[in-house]
Protein backbone atom coordinates (compact mmCIF):
# COMPACT_ATOMS: atom_id res chain seq x y z
CA MET A 1 55.62 52.90 94.17
CA HIS A 2 52.64 55.22 94.61
CA ILE A 3 54.21 57.78 92.30
CA PHE A 4 54.59 55.07 89.68
CA ARG A 5 50.94 54.04 90.09
CA ARG A 6 49.80 57.64 89.80
CA SER A 7 51.88 58.20 86.67
CA LEU A 8 50.61 54.97 85.19
CA PHE A 9 47.01 55.97 85.90
CA LEU A 10 47.51 59.35 84.27
CA ILE A 11 49.04 57.65 81.23
CA VAL A 12 46.10 55.24 81.07
CA LEU A 13 43.68 58.16 81.20
CA ALA A 14 45.53 59.80 78.35
CA LEU A 15 45.77 56.70 76.14
CA THR A 16 42.42 55.00 76.72
CA ALA A 17 38.81 56.00 76.24
CA CYS A 18 37.81 57.43 79.60
CA GLU A 19 34.56 58.99 80.68
CA GLN A 20 33.25 60.53 83.88
CA ALA A 21 29.82 59.84 85.34
CA GLN A 22 28.19 62.78 87.14
CA LEU A 23 24.88 63.70 88.71
CA THR A 24 25.34 66.67 91.03
CA GLY A 25 28.94 65.52 91.50
CA PRO A 26 31.01 62.58 90.26
CA VAL A 27 29.34 59.18 90.60
CA GLY A 28 31.85 56.65 91.93
CA GLY A 29 31.35 52.93 92.31
CA GLY A 30 28.67 52.75 89.63
CA GLU A 31 28.33 49.67 87.43
CA VAL A 32 29.15 50.45 83.80
CA SER A 33 27.58 48.75 80.80
CA VAL A 34 27.30 49.43 77.07
CA THR A 35 24.39 48.28 74.92
CA GLU A 36 23.43 48.78 71.30
CA PHE A 37 20.74 51.46 71.12
CA ARG A 38 18.74 49.83 68.34
CA SER A 39 18.78 46.20 69.47
CA GLY A 40 19.36 46.58 73.21
CA GLN A 41 22.07 43.94 73.01
CA THR A 42 24.66 44.22 75.77
CA VAL A 43 28.18 44.48 74.40
CA LEU A 44 30.18 45.37 77.53
CA THR A 45 29.82 44.87 81.28
CA GLY A 46 32.07 44.35 84.27
CA LEU A 47 33.49 47.86 84.66
CA SER A 48 32.83 50.33 87.46
CA THR A 49 33.52 54.02 87.97
CA THR A 50 36.31 55.02 90.33
CA ASP A 51 35.47 55.70 93.96
CA GLU A 52 37.67 56.72 96.88
CA ASP A 53 38.71 53.16 97.65
CA SER A 54 39.86 52.46 94.10
CA LEU A 55 41.74 55.76 93.96
CA VAL A 56 43.57 54.88 97.19
CA VAL A 57 44.61 51.61 95.56
CA ILE A 58 45.84 53.45 92.49
CA PHE A 59 47.58 56.40 94.15
CA GLY A 60 48.20 55.27 97.71
CA GLN A 61 46.58 56.70 100.83
CA GLN A 62 49.08 59.51 101.38
CA THR A 63 48.92 60.78 97.80
CA PHE A 64 45.14 60.57 97.82
CA ASP A 65 44.99 62.48 101.12
CA ASP A 66 47.16 65.18 99.55
CA PHE A 67 44.79 65.69 96.62
CA ASN A 68 43.15 69.10 96.49
CA PRO A 69 39.34 69.20 96.01
CA LEU A 70 39.58 69.66 92.23
CA GLN A 71 41.89 66.66 91.87
CA ARG A 72 39.52 64.44 93.84
CA MET A 73 36.53 65.62 91.84
CA THR A 74 38.46 65.04 88.60
CA PHE A 75 39.49 61.45 89.34
CA LEU A 76 36.25 60.24 90.95
CA GLY A 77 33.58 58.70 88.71
CA ILE A 78 35.99 57.73 85.92
CA SER A 79 35.65 54.62 83.77
CA THR A 80 38.18 53.51 81.18
CA PHE A 81 37.98 51.25 78.14
CA THR A 82 41.26 49.64 77.14
CA ASN A 83 41.66 49.28 73.37
CA PRO A 84 38.03 50.13 72.57
CA SER A 85 36.84 48.85 69.19
CA PHE A 86 33.17 49.74 68.91
CA GLU A 87 31.55 49.97 65.47
CA ALA A 88 32.07 53.61 64.54
CA SER A 89 28.66 54.34 63.02
CA THR A 90 26.56 52.32 65.47
CA TRP A 91 24.65 54.10 68.23
CA TYR A 92 25.33 52.79 71.73
CA VAL A 93 24.03 53.54 75.21
CA MET A 94 26.57 53.79 77.99
CA SER A 95 24.91 53.30 81.38
CA VAL A 96 26.17 53.85 84.90
CA GLN A 97 23.97 52.17 87.49
CA GLY A 98 24.04 52.87 91.20
CA GLY A 99 27.15 54.08 92.99
CA PHE A 100 27.51 57.20 95.09
CA ASP A 101 27.31 60.91 94.27
CA TYR A 102 30.42 62.44 95.80
CA ASP A 103 29.15 66.03 95.68
CA ALA A 104 25.44 65.73 96.29
CA ASP A 105 25.26 69.20 97.86
CA GLY A 106 26.94 70.75 94.81
CA ASN A 107 29.54 72.78 96.70
CA GLY A 108 32.44 71.58 94.57
CA LEU A 109 33.98 69.51 97.36
CA ALA A 110 33.97 65.73 97.72
CA ASP A 111 31.50 64.80 100.45
CA GLN A 112 32.62 62.89 103.52
CA ALA A 113 29.45 60.79 103.25
CA PRO A 114 28.50 60.56 99.55
CA ALA A 115 24.84 60.09 98.65
CA GLN A 116 23.79 56.70 97.36
CA VAL A 117 22.47 56.61 93.78
CA PHE A 118 19.61 54.19 93.19
CA GLY A 119 19.00 54.84 89.50
CA THR A 120 20.92 54.77 86.23
CA VAL A 121 22.34 57.62 84.19
CA HIS A 122 22.78 57.17 80.44
CA ALA A 123 24.68 58.64 77.51
CA LEU A 124 23.74 57.95 73.89
CA VAL A 125 26.90 57.97 71.76
CA THR A 126 28.22 56.50 68.55
CA GLY A 127 30.94 53.88 68.49
CA ALA A 128 33.33 56.51 67.16
CA GLU A 129 32.64 58.67 70.21
CA LEU A 130 33.04 55.69 72.52
CA ASN A 131 36.36 54.84 70.91
CA ALA A 132 37.58 58.42 71.23
CA GLY A 133 36.36 58.83 74.81
CA GLY A 134 36.54 62.09 76.70
CA PHE A 135 32.78 62.58 77.07
CA SER A 136 30.70 62.61 80.26
CA ILE A 137 27.58 60.78 81.41
CA THR A 138 25.47 63.45 83.05
CA PRO A 139 21.90 64.67 83.54
CA VAL A 140 22.10 66.44 80.17
CA THR A 141 23.08 63.22 78.37
CA GLU A 142 20.29 61.51 80.31
CA ALA A 143 17.84 64.11 79.00
CA ALA A 144 19.07 63.61 75.42
CA TYR A 145 18.87 59.83 75.78
CA ARG A 146 15.28 60.05 77.02
CA TYR A 147 14.44 62.38 74.15
CA ALA A 148 15.88 59.88 71.68
CA THR A 149 13.88 56.99 73.12
CA GLU A 150 10.69 58.92 72.37
CA LEU A 151 11.53 59.33 68.69
CA PRO A 152 9.93 56.91 66.19
CA GLU A 153 11.78 53.60 66.00
CA SER A 154 12.08 54.05 62.25
CA VAL A 155 14.20 57.20 62.58
CA SER A 156 17.45 56.84 60.67
CA ASP A 157 20.86 57.25 62.28
CA GLN A 158 21.37 60.57 60.53
CA ALA A 159 17.90 61.80 61.46
CA LEU A 160 18.61 60.81 65.07
CA ARG A 161 21.81 62.87 65.03
CA ASP A 162 19.97 65.79 63.42
CA ALA A 163 17.24 65.69 66.06
CA LEU A 164 19.79 65.64 68.88
CA ASP A 165 21.70 68.50 67.26
CA GLN A 166 18.51 70.56 67.08
CA VAL A 167 17.63 70.23 70.77
CA ALA A 168 21.18 70.53 72.13
CA GLY A 169 20.75 74.26 72.69
CA ASP A 170 17.96 73.59 75.18
CA LEU A 171 20.51 71.87 77.42
CA VAL A 172 23.93 73.48 77.13
CA GLY A 173 25.95 76.23 75.47
CA ASP A 174 28.97 76.00 73.17
CA VAL A 175 31.09 73.56 75.18
CA THR A 176 33.39 72.70 72.28
CA VAL A 177 33.94 76.39 71.45
CA ASP A 178 33.43 75.84 67.74
CA GLY A 179 30.73 78.46 67.26
CA VAL A 180 27.94 75.87 66.99
CA VAL A 181 25.81 74.27 69.68
CA ASP A 182 25.08 70.66 68.73
CA TYR A 183 25.10 67.19 70.24
CA ALA A 184 28.88 67.21 70.61
CA ASP A 185 28.37 69.92 73.23
CA VAL A 186 25.86 67.75 75.11
CA ILE A 187 28.20 64.79 75.52
CA GLY A 188 31.16 67.10 76.05
CA TRP A 189 29.54 69.03 78.89
CA ASN A 190 31.09 68.35 82.31
CA ARG A 191 29.66 69.91 85.46
CA ILE A 192 33.10 70.47 86.98
CA LEU A 193 34.46 72.23 83.91
CA HIS A 194 31.41 73.77 82.26
CA ALA A 195 28.88 74.57 84.99
CA ALA A 196 28.33 78.06 83.57
CA LEU A 197 27.28 76.59 80.19
CA LEU A 198 24.34 74.63 81.59
CA ARG A 199 21.11 76.10 80.17
CA ALA A 200 18.58 73.63 81.53
CA ASP A 201 17.39 73.27 85.11
CA THR A 202 18.30 69.62 85.64
CA GLU A 203 17.55 69.53 89.37
CA ALA A 204 14.32 67.51 89.11
CA LEU A 205 15.85 65.09 86.60
CA THR A 206 18.93 64.61 88.77
CA ALA A 207 16.78 63.95 91.82
CA ALA A 208 14.66 61.42 89.91
CA VAL A 209 17.70 59.48 88.70
CA THR A 210 19.34 59.57 92.14
CA ALA A 211 16.20 58.25 93.78
CA GLY A 212 15.73 55.53 91.18
CA ASP A 213 12.28 56.76 90.20
CA SER A 214 10.23 55.04 87.50
CA ASP A 215 11.10 55.36 83.82
CA ALA A 216 7.93 57.38 83.30
CA THR A 217 8.90 59.88 86.01
CA ILE A 218 12.47 60.24 84.73
CA THR A 219 11.33 60.58 81.12
CA ALA A 220 8.79 63.25 82.08
CA ALA A 221 11.46 65.20 83.96
CA ALA A 222 13.79 64.90 80.97
CA LEU A 223 11.29 65.95 78.32
CA ALA A 224 10.30 68.97 80.40
CA LEU A 225 13.73 70.43 79.60
CA PHE A 226 13.04 70.74 75.88
CA SER A 227 11.27 73.67 74.27
CA SER A 228 10.11 71.64 71.26
CA SER A 229 7.85 68.62 71.26
CA ILE A 230 8.92 65.17 70.09
CA PRO A 231 8.61 64.97 66.30
CA THR A 232 6.20 62.28 65.19
CA PRO A 233 5.82 60.71 61.76
CA ASP A 234 2.85 61.58 59.63
CA PRO A 235 0.11 59.04 60.28
CA ALA A 236 -0.36 56.41 57.61
CA PRO A 237 -3.31 57.27 55.40
CA ASP A 238 -6.47 55.26 55.70
CA ALA A 239 -6.49 52.45 53.12
CA GLU A 240 -9.91 53.33 51.75
CA GLU A 241 -9.03 57.01 51.45
CA TYR A 242 -5.79 56.13 49.66
CA PHE A 243 -7.71 53.83 47.33
CA ALA A 244 -10.18 56.59 46.52
CA GLN A 245 -7.45 59.16 45.84
CA PHE A 246 -4.92 57.05 43.96
CA ALA A 247 -5.36 53.31 43.59
CA SER A 248 -8.90 53.18 42.22
CA ASP A 249 -7.92 54.92 38.97
CA VAL A 250 -4.93 52.59 38.59
CA VAL A 251 -6.80 49.32 39.00
CA GLN A 252 -9.79 50.46 36.97
CA SER A 253 -7.59 51.50 34.03
CA ARG A 254 -5.09 48.61 34.21
CA CYS A 255 -7.28 45.75 35.45
CA GLY A 256 -10.89 46.80 34.99
CA SER A 257 -11.30 45.67 31.38
CA CYS A 258 -11.02 42.02 32.44
CA HIS A 259 -11.60 41.98 36.20
CA ARG A 260 -15.13 43.35 36.05
CA VAL A 261 -18.51 41.79 36.52
CA GLY A 262 -18.95 39.50 33.52
CA GLY A 263 -15.35 40.02 32.38
CA ILE A 264 -12.99 37.20 31.40
CA GLY A 265 -10.73 37.89 34.35
CA ALA A 266 -13.58 37.56 36.81
CA SER A 267 -14.79 34.13 35.72
CA ARG A 268 -12.11 32.20 37.63
CA SER A 269 -10.97 34.84 40.13
CA SER A 270 -12.09 36.63 43.27
CA HIS A 271 -10.58 39.79 41.80
CA VAL A 272 -13.80 41.41 40.62
CA LEU A 273 -14.00 45.21 40.46
CA GLN A 274 -17.23 47.11 40.83
CA PRO A 275 -17.55 49.83 38.17
CA THR A 276 -17.27 53.52 39.02
CA SER A 277 -20.94 53.86 38.14
CA ASN A 278 -21.67 52.03 41.40
CA SER A 279 -21.91 54.73 44.05
CA ASP A 280 -20.37 52.33 46.59
CA HIS A 281 -17.53 51.17 44.34
CA ILE A 282 -14.78 52.61 46.59
CA ALA A 283 -15.94 50.80 49.71
CA LEU A 284 -16.82 47.59 47.84
CA ASN A 285 -13.54 47.41 45.93
CA THR A 286 -11.50 48.21 49.03
CA ALA A 287 -13.26 45.38 50.84
CA MET A 288 -12.61 43.06 47.89
CA TYR A 289 -8.88 43.81 47.95
CA ARG A 290 -8.79 43.45 51.71
CA SER A 291 -10.27 39.97 51.37
CA LEU A 292 -7.75 39.09 48.63
CA VAL A 293 -4.86 40.23 50.82
CA GLU A 294 -6.13 38.13 53.71
CA GLN A 295 -6.56 35.07 51.49
CA ARG A 296 -3.56 35.34 49.18
CA GLY A 297 -1.23 38.03 50.51
CA ALA A 298 -0.13 41.28 48.91
CA ASP A 299 2.80 39.70 47.06
CA TYR A 300 0.48 37.34 45.19
CA ILE A 301 -1.53 40.26 43.82
CA LEU A 302 1.57 42.24 42.93
CA ASP A 303 3.14 39.28 41.17
CA LYS A 304 -0.02 38.82 39.13
CA SER A 305 0.11 42.49 38.09
CA LEU A 306 3.57 41.82 36.66
CA GLY A 307 2.40 38.83 34.62
CA GLN A 308 3.70 36.21 37.04
CA ARG A 309 1.98 33.21 38.67
CA GLY A 310 0.25 32.33 35.40
CA HIS A 311 -1.61 35.61 35.05
CA GLY A 312 -3.75 35.29 31.92
CA GLY A 313 -3.80 39.04 31.43
CA GLY A 314 -0.02 39.27 31.19
CA ASN A 315 2.15 42.03 32.57
CA ARG A 316 -0.16 44.92 33.36
CA LEU A 317 1.99 47.19 35.56
CA GLY A 318 5.58 46.32 34.68
CA ARG A 319 5.75 49.20 32.20
CA PHE A 320 4.10 51.59 34.66
CA PRO A 321 6.29 51.69 37.79
CA GLU A 322 4.41 54.61 39.33
CA ASP A 323 1.14 52.70 39.08
CA PHE A 324 2.82 49.62 40.53
CA ASP A 325 4.08 51.67 43.48
CA ILE A 326 0.57 52.99 44.11
CA LEU A 327 -0.89 49.49 44.13
CA GLU A 328 1.90 48.25 46.40
CA THR A 329 1.32 51.11 48.84
CA PHE A 330 -2.41 50.44 48.90
CA LEU A 331 -1.93 46.72 49.55
CA THR A 332 0.62 47.49 52.27
CA LEU A 333 -1.92 49.73 53.99
CA LEU A 334 -4.42 46.87 53.86
CA SER A 335 -1.83 44.45 55.24
CA ASN A 336 -1.15 46.73 58.20
């Protein structure tokens, strides 16, 4: 019966998406969950990583007792997804919370008294990688996950992958033996199999996760492993500066003939442009547009520029898409 269970378990490992959680050693008895990285929505719970008790149930006490150290270390900390069907291109976070580190002293042998884990270790993977399985959740995936959470929220999926590819070499070597070190090597790294390919000193990060330290402490320990700083987006230009450089010429040339002091477009409108001869025209006109945006909204002004909403001056910017884009950008800066 035990031989049948063992064979069945090995078949399950081969046919399902299985992963191993590790800190210093395998983390057994941890609670497994999967959430969408972008939304934080939980899509899977209720699994746990294998510990000694669950392996005894699977293999039987005698077979388990006969395991050599490598076999025990290989089967501990495993989680399996039966018939996984995650969205291939979506980024997910697989988390393993709590449990016990079965090789806390790092000697390659399962400890008689495993160390309790109070924190959570994460791996950031796509649905395709979740469906395929075979990756590990380790301190290096924790470091990459923390790095990713510091990137701008607007980063695209491809830019996220590119950023993780670029910093992979700070963490591990060529695990996949394909001549390139990228993010596939990060999620493929396994302490039992690839200890020699670890490039980062993950001791402080591992200790912080094991102890359940604060997010700030864990993130600081993770980011310390990277040689490059977190890329940040260029700051949005100041609205008045953008108006001075780009938008002023547009509105003066397209709108100024009517929307000027004494002009026909100013008689029944708050859209009144000060002429460039006024030394304060940049500040005054920026303030005027800011007030219009607050009162009417940017879309109202843009629609008017296209001859909509009963604009007496007709379509002023429809034939000039670049000018329209400049006005839209300026109004967006004011709206923000």
